[in-house]
Amino acid sequence: MALGWNAATGEVVAPASPADSAIWHAPAYPVPAALAVIGGVLLGFGAAWGAGVLLRAAGERHVPVREVRRGDSMQAGEAHFTVLWPVGQPFSKADNDNSVVVRLDTPRFHTVFLGDLPDPIEGELGVGQLDVLKTAHHGSRFSTGEAFLQETRPKNAVISVGRNTYGHPNAQVLDWLAAAGVQVWRTDQVGTVHWPLP
């Protein structure tokens, strides 16, 4: 499950179930090479286990597919999407390090889609201040570090998470968010989160 953007409604959406998600995860195995449909174009990176299902579905529907790298961007009305990660070849052997990170900016709203990117790499992105932070990797202990929270200073954070045996979201991450005064919206507690863009 991951955060996505609904062009039809102009909302940021954190689905409560994989069936609602524009970014697909196979059962019990996350596809860290995030794939997202934005403005009718499937943006993706790498070929992780299970990604073939989504790629076949895109082909059947004649949805264009392309790999993205840092600096790629797309405009959809007032919404501007910029790829912040990955920087390019070579790919990491650590799958989560290959997560696609996309920043969404409008004149009055800023957020970032971090995929499963781990904490050390978050600091290399240069994200800046955000209105809403979608925590990486379902709020795992390997993401959303204190330094990243100080850099981004979000007022709200969305944790896209369901029942799991991994301990997501991590108690320390929740403590850091609380200490920073961040309002947390967890999909396992509130269901699908719709965030209308101002």
N, C-alpha and C. Protein backbone atom coordinates (compact mmCIF):
# COMPACT_ATOMS: atom_id res chain seq x y z
N MET A 1 0.84 -1.18 0.00
CA MET A 1 0.00 0.00 0.00
C MET A 1 0.88 1.23 0.00
N ALA A 2 0.43 2.27 -0.66
CA ALA A 2 1.24 3.46 -0.77
C ALA A 2 0.36 4.67 -1.06
N LEU A 3 0.96 5.82 -1.00
CA LEU A 3 0.25 7.06 -1.27
C LEU A 3 0.20 7.28 -2.76
N GLY A 4 -0.91 7.78 -3.24
CA GLY A 4 -1.06 8.06 -4.66
C GLY A 4 -1.80 9.36 -4.87
N TRP A 5 -1.95 9.75 -6.14
CA TRP A 5 -2.64 10.99 -6.47
C TRP A 5 -3.76 10.66 -7.42
N ASN A 6 -4.98 11.12 -7.13
CA ASN A 6 -6.14 10.90 -7.96
C ASN A 6 -6.37 12.14 -8.79
N ALA A 7 -5.99 12.10 -10.06
CA ALA A 7 -6.11 13.26 -10.94
C ALA A 7 -7.56 13.67 -11.14
N ALA A 8 -8.48 12.70 -11.11
CA ALA A 8 -9.89 13.01 -11.32
C ALA A 8 -10.46 13.86 -10.20
N THR A 9 -10.04 13.60 -8.96
CA THR A 9 -10.58 14.34 -7.82
C THR A 9 -9.63 15.39 -7.29
N GLY A 10 -8.36 15.36 -7.72
CA GLY A 10 -7.38 16.30 -7.19
C GLY A 10 -7.02 16.02 -5.76
N GLU A 11 -7.05 14.74 -5.36
CA GLU A 11 -6.75 14.36 -3.99
C GLU A 11 -5.51 13.50 -3.92
N VAL A 12 -4.82 13.61 -2.79
CA VAL A 12 -3.78 12.65 -2.44
C VAL A 12 -4.50 11.54 -1.70
N VAL A 13 -4.23 10.28 -2.03
CA VAL A 13 -4.96 9.15 -1.46
C VAL A 13 -4.00 8.14 -0.87
N ALA A 14 -4.24 7.74 0.37
CA ALA A 14 -3.52 6.63 0.99
C ALA A 14 -4.54 5.52 1.17
N PRO A 15 -4.51 4.50 0.30
CA PRO A 15 -5.52 3.45 0.35
C PRO A 15 -5.39 2.56 1.57
N ALA A 16 -6.54 2.07 2.03
CA ALA A 16 -6.55 1.18 3.18
C ALA A 16 -6.32 -0.26 2.76
N SER A 17 -6.47 -0.56 1.46
CA SER A 17 -6.24 -1.93 1.01
C SER A 17 -5.50 -1.92 -0.32
N PRO A 18 -4.75 -2.99 -0.62
CA PRO A 18 -4.02 -3.04 -1.87
C PRO A 18 -4.92 -2.90 -3.09
N ALA A 19 -6.17 -3.34 -2.99
CA ALA A 19 -7.08 -3.23 -4.13
C ALA A 19 -7.35 -1.79 -4.51
N ASP A 20 -7.23 -0.86 -3.55
CA ASP A 20 -7.46 0.55 -3.81
C ASP A 20 -6.20 1.27 -4.28
N SER A 21 -5.08 0.60 -4.29
CA SER A 21 -3.80 1.26 -4.46
C SER A 21 -3.36 1.38 -5.91
N ALA A 22 -2.83 2.57 -6.26
CA ALA A 22 -2.21 2.75 -7.57
C ALA A 22 -0.78 2.23 -7.55
N ILE A 23 -0.26 2.01 -6.38
CA ILE A 23 1.08 1.44 -6.24
C ILE A 23 0.90 0.05 -5.64
N TRP A 24 1.28 -0.96 -6.39
CA TRP A 24 0.89 -2.33 -6.12
C TRP A 24 1.90 -3.07 -5.27
N HIS A 25 1.40 -3.86 -4.35
CA HIS A 25 2.22 -4.78 -3.57
C HIS A 25 1.65 -6.18 -3.75
N ALA A 26 2.51 -7.15 -3.96
CA ALA A 26 2.07 -8.54 -4.03
C ALA A 26 1.76 -9.01 -2.61
N PRO A 27 0.92 -10.02 -2.46
CA PRO A 27 0.58 -10.49 -1.12
C PRO A 27 1.82 -10.86 -0.32
N ALA A 28 1.96 -10.27 0.86
CA ALA A 28 3.02 -10.57 1.82
C ALA A 28 4.42 -10.28 1.31
N TYR A 29 4.56 -9.65 0.13
CA TYR A 29 5.90 -9.31 -0.35
C TYR A 29 5.84 -7.97 -1.06
N PRO A 30 6.39 -6.93 -0.43
CA PRO A 30 6.29 -5.62 -1.06
C PRO A 30 7.12 -5.54 -2.34
N VAL A 31 6.62 -4.83 -3.31
CA VAL A 31 7.37 -4.56 -4.53
C VAL A 31 8.03 -3.21 -4.32
N PRO A 32 9.30 -3.19 -3.89
CA PRO A 32 9.92 -1.91 -3.55
C PRO A 32 10.18 -1.03 -4.77
N ALA A 33 10.24 -1.63 -5.96
CA ALA A 33 10.37 -0.82 -7.16
C ALA A 33 8.98 -0.29 -7.47
N ALA A 34 8.63 0.84 -6.86
CA ALA A 34 7.27 1.36 -6.90
C ALA A 34 6.82 1.64 -8.32
N LEU A 35 5.57 1.37 -8.57
CA LEU A 35 4.97 1.64 -9.86
C LEU A 35 3.73 2.48 -9.61
N ALA A 36 3.58 3.58 -10.29
CA ALA A 36 2.44 4.45 -10.04
C ALA A 36 1.88 4.98 -11.35
N VAL A 37 0.56 5.10 -11.41
CA VAL A 37 -0.09 5.69 -12.56
C VAL A 37 -0.34 7.16 -12.26
N ILE A 38 0.26 8.04 -13.04
CA ILE A 38 0.08 9.47 -12.86
C ILE A 38 -0.26 10.06 -14.21
N GLY A 39 -1.40 10.70 -14.30
CA GLY A 39 -1.80 11.33 -15.54
C GLY A 39 -1.85 10.36 -16.71
N GLY A 40 -2.24 9.10 -16.45
CA GLY A 40 -2.36 8.12 -17.50
C GLY A 40 -1.05 7.49 -17.93
N VAL A 41 0.06 7.83 -17.29
CA VAL A 41 1.36 7.25 -17.61
C VAL A 41 1.80 6.41 -16.43
N LEU A 42 2.20 5.17 -16.68
CA LEU A 42 2.71 4.31 -15.63
C LEU A 42 4.17 4.64 -15.41
N LEU A 43 4.49 5.16 -14.22
CA LEU A 43 5.87 5.47 -13.88
C LEU A 43 6.41 4.32 -13.07
N GLY A 44 7.56 3.81 -13.42
CA GLY A 44 8.08 2.68 -12.69
C GLY A 44 9.58 2.62 -12.72
N PHE A 45 10.10 1.66 -11.97
CA PHE A 45 11.54 1.53 -11.88
C PHE A 45 11.87 0.10 -11.53
N GLY A 46 12.73 -0.51 -12.30
CA GLY A 46 13.21 -1.84 -11.97
C GLY A 46 12.20 -2.93 -12.30
N ALA A 47 12.55 -4.14 -11.99
CA ALA A 47 11.69 -5.28 -12.25
C ALA A 47 11.71 -6.19 -11.04
N ALA A 48 10.98 -5.80 -10.01
CA ALA A 48 10.91 -6.59 -8.79
C ALA A 48 9.92 -7.73 -8.98
N TRP A 49 9.98 -8.71 -8.08
CA TRP A 49 9.07 -9.85 -8.11
C TRP A 49 7.64 -9.33 -8.11
N GLY A 50 6.82 -9.82 -9.02
CA GLY A 50 5.41 -9.43 -9.05
C GLY A 50 5.13 -8.24 -9.93
N ALA A 51 6.11 -7.46 -10.28
CA ALA A 51 5.88 -6.27 -11.10
C ALA A 51 5.35 -6.65 -12.47
N GLY A 52 5.65 -7.83 -12.94
CA GLY A 52 5.18 -8.28 -14.24
C GLY A 52 3.67 -8.26 -14.36
N VAL A 53 2.97 -8.54 -13.27
CA VAL A 53 1.51 -8.51 -13.28
C VAL A 53 1.01 -7.11 -13.63
N LEU A 54 1.58 -6.11 -12.99
CA LEU A 54 1.17 -4.75 -13.26
C LEU A 54 1.58 -4.31 -14.65
N LEU A 55 2.76 -4.71 -15.09
CA LEU A 55 3.21 -4.35 -16.42
C LEU A 55 2.34 -4.97 -17.50
N ARG A 56 1.92 -6.22 -17.29
CA ARG A 56 1.01 -6.87 -18.25
C ARG A 56 -0.32 -6.12 -18.30
N ALA A 57 -0.83 -5.75 -17.12
CA ALA A 57 -2.10 -5.01 -17.07
C ALA A 57 -1.97 -3.67 -17.80
N ALA A 58 -0.86 -3.00 -17.65
CA ALA A 58 -0.63 -1.73 -18.35
C ALA A 58 -0.60 -1.97 -19.85
N GLY A 59 0.08 -3.03 -20.29
CA GLY A 59 0.14 -3.34 -21.71
C GLY A 59 -1.23 -3.64 -22.30
N GLU A 60 -2.04 -4.40 -21.55
CA GLU A 60 -3.39 -4.72 -22.02
C GLU A 60 -4.25 -3.48 -22.17
N ARG A 61 -3.97 -2.47 -21.36
CA ARG A 61 -4.76 -1.23 -21.39
C ARG A 61 -4.07 -0.13 -22.21
N HIS A 62 -2.95 -0.48 -22.83
CA HIS A 62 -2.19 0.46 -23.67
C HIS A 62 -1.73 1.69 -22.88
N VAL A 63 -1.36 1.48 -21.63
CA VAL A 63 -0.83 2.56 -20.79
C VAL A 63 0.67 2.64 -21.04
N PRO A 64 1.18 3.82 -21.44
CA PRO A 64 2.63 3.95 -21.67
C PRO A 64 3.42 3.65 -20.39
N VAL A 65 4.56 2.99 -20.54
CA VAL A 65 5.40 2.64 -19.40
C VAL A 65 6.79 3.19 -19.66
N ARG A 66 7.40 3.78 -18.62
CA ARG A 66 8.78 4.24 -18.74
C ARG A 66 9.45 4.21 -17.38
N GLU A 67 10.76 4.00 -17.38
CA GLU A 67 11.54 4.09 -16.15
C GLU A 67 11.80 5.56 -15.85
N VAL A 68 11.92 5.87 -14.59
CA VAL A 68 12.19 7.25 -14.20
C VAL A 68 13.48 7.34 -13.40
N ARG A 69 14.06 8.52 -13.43
CA ARG A 69 15.30 8.81 -12.70
C ARG A 69 15.18 10.19 -12.07
N ARG A 70 16.06 10.50 -11.13
CA ARG A 70 16.09 11.80 -10.47
C ARG A 70 16.11 12.91 -11.53
N GLY A 71 15.22 13.88 -11.35
CA GLY A 71 15.13 15.01 -12.27
C GLY A 71 14.00 14.89 -13.28
N ASP A 72 13.49 13.67 -13.52
CA ASP A 72 12.34 13.53 -14.41
C ASP A 72 11.15 14.23 -13.75
N SER A 73 10.29 14.81 -14.57
CA SER A 73 9.13 15.49 -14.00
C SER A 73 7.94 15.41 -14.93
N MET A 74 6.79 15.73 -14.38
CA MET A 74 5.53 15.70 -15.12
C MET A 74 4.61 16.75 -14.52
N GLN A 75 3.85 17.40 -15.36
CA GLN A 75 2.89 18.41 -14.93
C GLN A 75 1.48 17.90 -15.22
N ALA A 76 0.56 18.08 -14.27
CA ALA A 76 -0.85 17.73 -14.45
C ALA A 76 -1.66 18.86 -13.81
N GLY A 77 -2.08 19.83 -14.60
CA GLY A 77 -2.75 21.01 -14.05
C GLY A 77 -1.77 21.77 -13.19
N GLU A 78 -2.18 22.10 -11.96
CA GLU A 78 -1.28 22.80 -11.03
C GLU A 78 -0.32 21.85 -10.33
N ALA A 79 -0.54 20.55 -10.46
CA ALA A 79 0.29 19.56 -9.77
C ALA A 79 1.56 19.28 -10.57
N HIS A 80 2.70 19.43 -9.90
CA HIS A 80 3.99 19.16 -10.53
C HIS A 80 4.64 18.00 -9.78
N PHE A 81 5.01 16.95 -10.52
CA PHE A 81 5.64 15.77 -9.95
C PHE A 81 7.10 15.75 -10.36
N THR A 82 8.00 15.58 -9.38
CA THR A 82 9.43 15.51 -9.65
C THR A 82 9.99 14.24 -9.03
N VAL A 83 10.71 13.46 -9.82
CA VAL A 83 11.36 12.24 -9.31
C VAL A 83 12.63 12.67 -8.58
N LEU A 84 12.75 12.26 -7.31
CA LEU A 84 13.93 12.57 -6.50
C LEU A 84 14.88 11.39 -6.36
N TRP A 85 14.38 10.19 -6.59
CA TRP A 85 15.18 8.98 -6.43
C TRP A 85 14.58 7.91 -7.29
N PRO A 86 15.32 7.07 -7.90
CA PRO A 86 16.76 6.85 -7.84
C PRO A 86 17.52 7.81 -8.75
N VAL A 87 18.81 7.89 -8.52
CA VAL A 87 19.64 8.76 -9.33
C VAL A 87 20.02 8.10 -10.65
N GLY A 88 19.92 6.79 -10.74
CA GLY A 88 20.24 6.09 -11.98
C GLY A 88 21.00 4.81 -11.72
N GLN A 89 21.72 4.34 -12.72
CA GLN A 89 22.50 3.10 -12.61
C GLN A 89 23.71 3.33 -11.71
N PRO A 90 24.30 2.35 -11.08
CA PRO A 90 23.78 0.99 -11.02
C PRO A 90 22.72 0.88 -9.93
N PHE A 91 21.85 -0.09 -10.08
CA PHE A 91 20.82 -0.33 -9.10
C PHE A 91 21.44 -0.97 -7.87
N SER A 92 20.84 -0.71 -6.72
CA SER A 92 21.32 -1.31 -5.48
C SER A 92 20.85 -2.75 -5.38
N LYS A 93 21.62 -3.58 -4.71
CA LYS A 93 21.20 -4.95 -4.45
C LYS A 93 20.19 -4.98 -3.30
N ALA A 94 20.10 -3.91 -2.53
CA ALA A 94 19.10 -3.78 -1.47
C ALA A 94 17.84 -3.19 -2.12
N ASP A 95 16.82 -4.03 -2.31
CA ASP A 95 15.64 -3.62 -3.07
C ASP A 95 15.03 -2.30 -2.61
N ASN A 96 14.91 -2.08 -1.30
CA ASN A 96 14.28 -0.85 -0.83
C ASN A 96 15.05 0.40 -1.25
N ASP A 97 16.35 0.27 -1.44
CA ASP A 97 17.16 1.40 -1.90
C ASP A 97 16.79 1.82 -3.32
N ASN A 98 16.07 0.96 -4.05
CA ASN A 98 15.65 1.26 -5.41
C ASN A 98 14.26 1.87 -5.49
N SER A 99 13.65 2.16 -4.37
CA SER A 99 12.30 2.73 -4.38
C SER A 99 12.27 4.03 -5.16
N VAL A 100 11.19 4.21 -5.90
CA VAL A 100 10.98 5.47 -6.61
C VAL A 100 10.43 6.48 -5.62
N VAL A 101 11.04 7.66 -5.58
CA VAL A 101 10.57 8.75 -4.72
C VAL A 101 10.11 9.89 -5.62
N VAL A 102 8.86 10.31 -5.42
CA VAL A 102 8.29 11.38 -6.23
C VAL A 102 7.77 12.47 -5.29
N ARG A 103 8.16 13.70 -5.59
CA ARG A 103 7.67 14.87 -4.84
C ARG A 103 6.51 15.47 -5.62
N LEU A 104 5.43 15.81 -4.90
CA LEU A 104 4.26 16.46 -5.49
C LEU A 104 4.19 17.88 -4.94
N ASP A 105 4.19 18.85 -5.84
CA ASP A 105 4.08 20.26 -5.45
C ASP A 105 2.94 20.91 -6.20
N THR A 106 2.14 21.68 -5.49
CA THR A 106 1.20 22.61 -6.09
C THR A 106 1.56 23.97 -5.50
N PRO A 107 0.94 25.05 -5.95
CA PRO A 107 1.28 26.34 -5.35
C PRO A 107 1.06 26.42 -3.83
N ARG A 108 0.16 25.56 -3.29
CA ARG A 108 -0.17 25.64 -1.86
C ARG A 108 0.01 24.33 -1.10
N PHE A 109 0.66 23.34 -1.69
CA PHE A 109 0.75 22.04 -1.05
C PHE A 109 2.02 21.32 -1.51
N HIS A 110 2.67 20.63 -0.54
CA HIS A 110 3.91 19.90 -0.83
C HIS A 110 3.92 18.58 -0.07
N THR A 111 4.17 17.50 -0.80
CA THR A 111 4.31 16.19 -0.17
C THR A 111 5.30 15.37 -0.97
N VAL A 112 5.65 14.21 -0.44
CA VAL A 112 6.59 13.32 -1.13
C VAL A 112 6.13 11.88 -0.93
N PHE A 113 6.26 11.07 -1.98
CA PHE A 113 5.95 9.65 -1.96
C PHE A 113 7.27 8.92 -1.86
N LEU A 114 7.55 8.31 -0.70
CA LEU A 114 8.88 7.74 -0.42
C LEU A 114 9.02 6.26 -0.72
N GLY A 115 7.97 5.57 -1.07
CA GLY A 115 8.07 4.12 -1.28
C GLY A 115 8.58 3.46 -0.01
N ASP A 116 9.54 2.55 -0.15
CA ASP A 116 10.14 1.86 1.00
C ASP A 116 11.57 2.33 1.25
N LEU A 117 11.87 3.54 0.82
CA LEU A 117 13.23 4.08 0.94
C LEU A 117 13.70 4.10 2.39
N PRO A 118 14.92 3.62 2.68
CA PRO A 118 15.42 3.62 4.05
C PRO A 118 15.95 4.98 4.50
N ASP A 119 16.03 5.14 5.81
CA ASP A 119 16.43 6.38 6.46
C ASP A 119 17.74 6.98 5.94
N PRO A 120 18.82 6.25 5.79
CA PRO A 120 20.05 6.94 5.36
C PRO A 120 19.89 7.68 4.03
N ILE A 121 19.11 7.11 3.11
CA ILE A 121 18.94 7.73 1.80
C ILE A 121 17.98 8.91 1.86
N GLU A 122 17.01 8.88 2.78
CA GLU A 122 16.08 10.00 2.91
C GLU A 122 16.82 11.32 3.04
N GLY A 123 17.92 11.32 3.77
CA GLY A 123 18.70 12.53 3.99
C GLY A 123 19.40 13.05 2.75
N GLU A 124 19.54 12.22 1.71
CA GLU A 124 20.20 12.63 0.47
C GLU A 124 19.25 13.29 -0.52
N LEU A 125 17.95 13.28 -0.23
CA LEU A 125 16.96 13.73 -1.20
C LEU A 125 16.84 15.24 -1.32
N GLY A 126 17.09 15.97 -0.22
CA GLY A 126 16.89 17.42 -0.24
C GLY A 126 15.43 17.80 -0.39
N VAL A 127 14.57 17.13 0.36
CA VAL A 127 13.13 17.30 0.22
C VAL A 127 12.64 18.67 0.68
N GLY A 128 13.17 19.18 1.77
CA GLY A 128 12.68 20.46 2.30
C GLY A 128 11.37 20.29 3.04
N GLN A 129 10.74 21.41 3.38
CA GLN A 129 9.54 21.40 4.21
C GLN A 129 8.34 20.82 3.44
N LEU A 130 7.53 20.03 4.15
CA LEU A 130 6.36 19.38 3.57
C LEU A 130 5.11 19.73 4.38
N ASP A 131 3.97 19.73 3.71
CA ASP A 131 2.69 19.86 4.42
C ASP A 131 2.28 18.52 5.00
N VAL A 132 2.42 17.47 4.19
CA VAL A 132 2.08 16.11 4.62
C VAL A 132 3.25 15.20 4.26
N LEU A 133 3.66 14.39 5.21
CA LEU A 133 4.70 13.38 4.98
C LEU A 133 4.02 12.02 4.90
N LYS A 134 4.23 11.31 3.80
CA LYS A 134 3.81 9.91 3.73
C LYS A 134 5.03 9.14 4.21
N THR A 135 4.95 8.58 5.40
CA THR A 135 6.11 7.90 5.95
C THR A 135 6.52 6.74 5.04
N ALA A 136 7.80 6.53 4.94
CA ALA A 136 8.31 5.45 4.10
C ALA A 136 8.11 4.10 4.77
N HIS A 137 8.01 3.09 3.96
CA HIS A 137 8.03 1.68 4.39
C HIS A 137 7.06 1.39 5.53
N HIS A 138 5.85 1.93 5.44
CA HIS A 138 4.78 1.64 6.39
C HIS A 138 5.14 2.04 7.82
N GLY A 139 6.04 3.03 7.96
CA GLY A 139 6.46 3.46 9.29
C GLY A 139 7.45 2.51 9.93
N SER A 140 8.22 1.79 9.11
CA SER A 140 9.18 0.82 9.66
C SER A 140 10.31 1.52 10.41
N ARG A 141 11.03 0.76 11.19
CA ARG A 141 12.15 1.30 11.97
C ARG A 141 13.31 1.73 11.09
N PHE A 142 13.28 1.36 9.81
CA PHE A 142 14.37 1.69 8.90
C PHE A 142 14.13 2.99 8.14
N SER A 143 13.02 3.67 8.40
CA SER A 143 12.67 4.86 7.65
C SER A 143 12.15 5.95 8.58
N THR A 144 12.01 7.16 8.02
CA THR A 144 11.46 8.32 8.73
C THR A 144 12.25 8.60 10.00
N GLY A 145 13.52 8.90 9.82
CA GLY A 145 14.39 9.20 10.95
C GLY A 145 14.19 10.60 11.50
N GLU A 146 14.75 10.86 12.66
CA GLU A 146 14.61 12.16 13.33
C GLU A 146 15.13 13.31 12.47
N ALA A 147 16.29 13.14 11.86
CA ALA A 147 16.86 14.21 11.04
C ALA A 147 15.96 14.54 9.85
N PHE A 148 15.36 13.51 9.26
CA PHE A 148 14.45 13.73 8.14
C PHE A 148 13.21 14.50 8.60
N LEU A 149 12.71 14.19 9.77
CA LEU A 149 11.55 14.92 10.32
C LEU A 149 11.92 16.37 10.59
N GLN A 150 13.14 16.63 11.08
CA GLN A 150 13.57 18.01 11.31
C GLN A 150 13.68 18.78 10.00
N GLU A 151 14.14 18.11 8.95
CA GLU A 151 14.24 18.77 7.64
C GLU A 151 12.88 19.07 7.05
N THR A 152 11.96 18.11 7.11
CA THR A 152 10.67 18.24 6.42
C THR A 152 9.61 18.99 7.23
N ARG A 153 9.69 18.95 8.56
CA ARG A 153 8.78 19.66 9.46
C ARG A 153 7.30 19.56 9.06
N PRO A 154 6.79 18.34 8.82
CA PRO A 154 5.40 18.21 8.40
C PRO A 154 4.44 18.48 9.57
N LYS A 155 3.26 18.95 9.24
CA LYS A 155 2.20 19.10 10.24
C LYS A 155 1.43 17.79 10.38
N ASN A 156 1.37 17.03 9.29
CA ASN A 156 0.64 15.77 9.24
C ASN A 156 1.51 14.69 8.61
N ALA A 157 1.26 13.45 9.02
CA ALA A 157 1.94 12.30 8.42
C ALA A 157 0.92 11.20 8.18
N VAL A 158 1.01 10.55 7.03
CA VAL A 158 0.17 9.41 6.71
C VAL A 158 1.03 8.17 6.77
N ILE A 159 0.56 7.17 7.50
CA ILE A 159 1.23 5.87 7.53
C ILE A 159 0.29 4.88 6.87
N SER A 160 0.67 4.42 5.69
CA SER A 160 -0.11 3.43 4.97
C SER A 160 0.32 2.05 5.46
N VAL A 161 -0.54 1.43 6.26
CA VAL A 161 -0.17 0.18 6.91
C VAL A 161 -1.42 -0.65 7.18
N GLY A 162 -1.25 -1.94 7.13
CA GLY A 162 -2.33 -2.86 7.49
C GLY A 162 -1.81 -3.84 8.51
N ARG A 163 -2.61 -4.86 8.79
CA ARG A 163 -2.15 -5.90 9.72
C ARG A 163 -0.88 -6.52 9.17
N ASN A 164 0.11 -6.71 10.04
CA ASN A 164 1.38 -7.27 9.58
C ASN A 164 2.11 -7.90 10.75
N THR A 165 3.12 -8.68 10.44
CA THR A 165 3.93 -9.33 11.48
C THR A 165 5.29 -8.66 11.61
N TYR A 166 5.48 -7.52 10.97
CA TYR A 166 6.78 -6.83 10.98
C TYR A 166 6.88 -5.77 12.08
N GLY A 167 5.77 -5.49 12.75
CA GLY A 167 5.79 -4.45 13.77
C GLY A 167 5.62 -3.05 13.20
N HIS A 168 5.06 -2.94 11.99
CA HIS A 168 4.81 -1.64 11.38
C HIS A 168 3.48 -1.08 11.91
N PRO A 169 3.41 0.18 12.24
CA PRO A 169 4.52 1.12 12.30
C PRO A 169 5.35 0.92 13.57
N ASN A 170 6.60 1.27 13.51
CA ASN A 170 7.53 1.10 14.61
C ASN A 170 7.24 2.11 15.73
N ALA A 171 7.31 1.66 16.97
CA ALA A 171 7.01 2.52 18.12
C ALA A 171 7.95 3.73 18.18
N GLN A 172 9.22 3.57 17.85
CA GLN A 172 10.17 4.68 17.88
C GLN A 172 9.80 5.74 16.84
N VAL A 173 9.40 5.31 15.66
CA VAL A 173 8.97 6.25 14.61
C VAL A 173 7.75 7.02 15.10
N LEU A 174 6.79 6.33 15.72
CA LEU A 174 5.61 7.00 16.26
C LEU A 174 6.00 8.01 17.34
N ASP A 175 6.98 7.65 18.18
CA ASP A 175 7.46 8.58 19.22
C ASP A 175 8.10 9.81 18.60
N TRP A 176 8.92 9.62 17.55
CA TRP A 176 9.55 10.77 16.87
C TRP A 176 8.51 11.69 16.26
N LEU A 177 7.49 11.11 15.65
CA LEU A 177 6.42 11.91 15.06
C LEU A 177 5.68 12.69 16.14
N ALA A 178 5.38 12.04 17.25
CA ALA A 178 4.68 12.71 18.35
C ALA A 178 5.53 13.83 18.94
N ALA A 179 6.82 13.57 19.12
CA ALA A 179 7.72 14.59 19.68
C ALA A 179 7.84 15.80 18.76
N ALA A 180 7.68 15.59 17.46
CA ALA A 180 7.75 16.68 16.50
C ALA A 180 6.41 17.39 16.34
N GLY A 181 5.39 16.93 17.09
CA GLY A 181 4.07 17.56 17.02
C GLY A 181 3.32 17.26 15.74
N VAL A 182 3.60 16.12 15.13
CA VAL A 182 2.99 15.74 13.86
C VAL A 182 1.70 14.95 14.12
N GLN A 183 0.61 15.36 13.47
CA GLN A 183 -0.65 14.61 13.52
C GLN A 183 -0.49 13.39 12.62
N VAL A 184 -0.74 12.19 13.15
CA VAL A 184 -0.54 10.94 12.40
C VAL A 184 -1.89 10.37 11.97
N TRP A 185 -1.96 9.99 10.69
CA TRP A 185 -3.13 9.35 10.10
C TRP A 185 -2.71 7.96 9.64
N ARG A 186 -3.18 6.91 10.34
CA ARG A 186 -2.81 5.53 10.03
C ARG A 186 -3.96 4.84 9.31
N THR A 187 -3.67 4.24 8.17
CA THR A 187 -4.75 3.60 7.41
C THR A 187 -5.29 2.36 8.13
N ASP A 188 -4.51 1.75 9.02
CA ASP A 188 -5.03 0.62 9.77
C ASP A 188 -6.02 1.06 10.84
N GLN A 189 -6.06 2.34 11.15
CA GLN A 189 -6.97 2.86 12.16
C GLN A 189 -8.11 3.69 11.56
N VAL A 190 -7.82 4.43 10.48
CA VAL A 190 -8.84 5.33 9.92
C VAL A 190 -9.30 4.93 8.52
N GLY A 191 -8.73 3.86 7.97
CA GLY A 191 -9.09 3.45 6.61
C GLY A 191 -8.40 4.31 5.58
N THR A 192 -8.96 4.31 4.38
CA THR A 192 -8.38 5.08 3.28
C THR A 192 -8.37 6.56 3.63
N VAL A 193 -7.23 7.21 3.41
CA VAL A 193 -7.08 8.64 3.69
C VAL A 193 -7.15 9.40 2.38
N HIS A 194 -8.11 10.33 2.29
CA HIS A 194 -8.22 11.22 1.12
C HIS A 194 -7.79 12.60 1.58
N TRP A 195 -6.87 13.21 0.86
CA TRP A 195 -6.34 14.52 1.25
C TRP A 195 -6.58 15.51 0.11
N PRO A 196 -7.68 16.27 0.17
CA PRO A 196 -7.94 17.23 -0.91
C PRO A 196 -6.82 18.27 -0.98
N LEU A 197 -6.38 18.56 -2.18
CA LEU A 197 -5.32 19.55 -2.35
C LEU A 197 -5.91 20.94 -2.26
N PRO A 198 -5.28 21.83 -1.47
CA PRO A 198 -5.81 23.20 -1.34
C PRO A 198 -5.66 23.98 -2.63
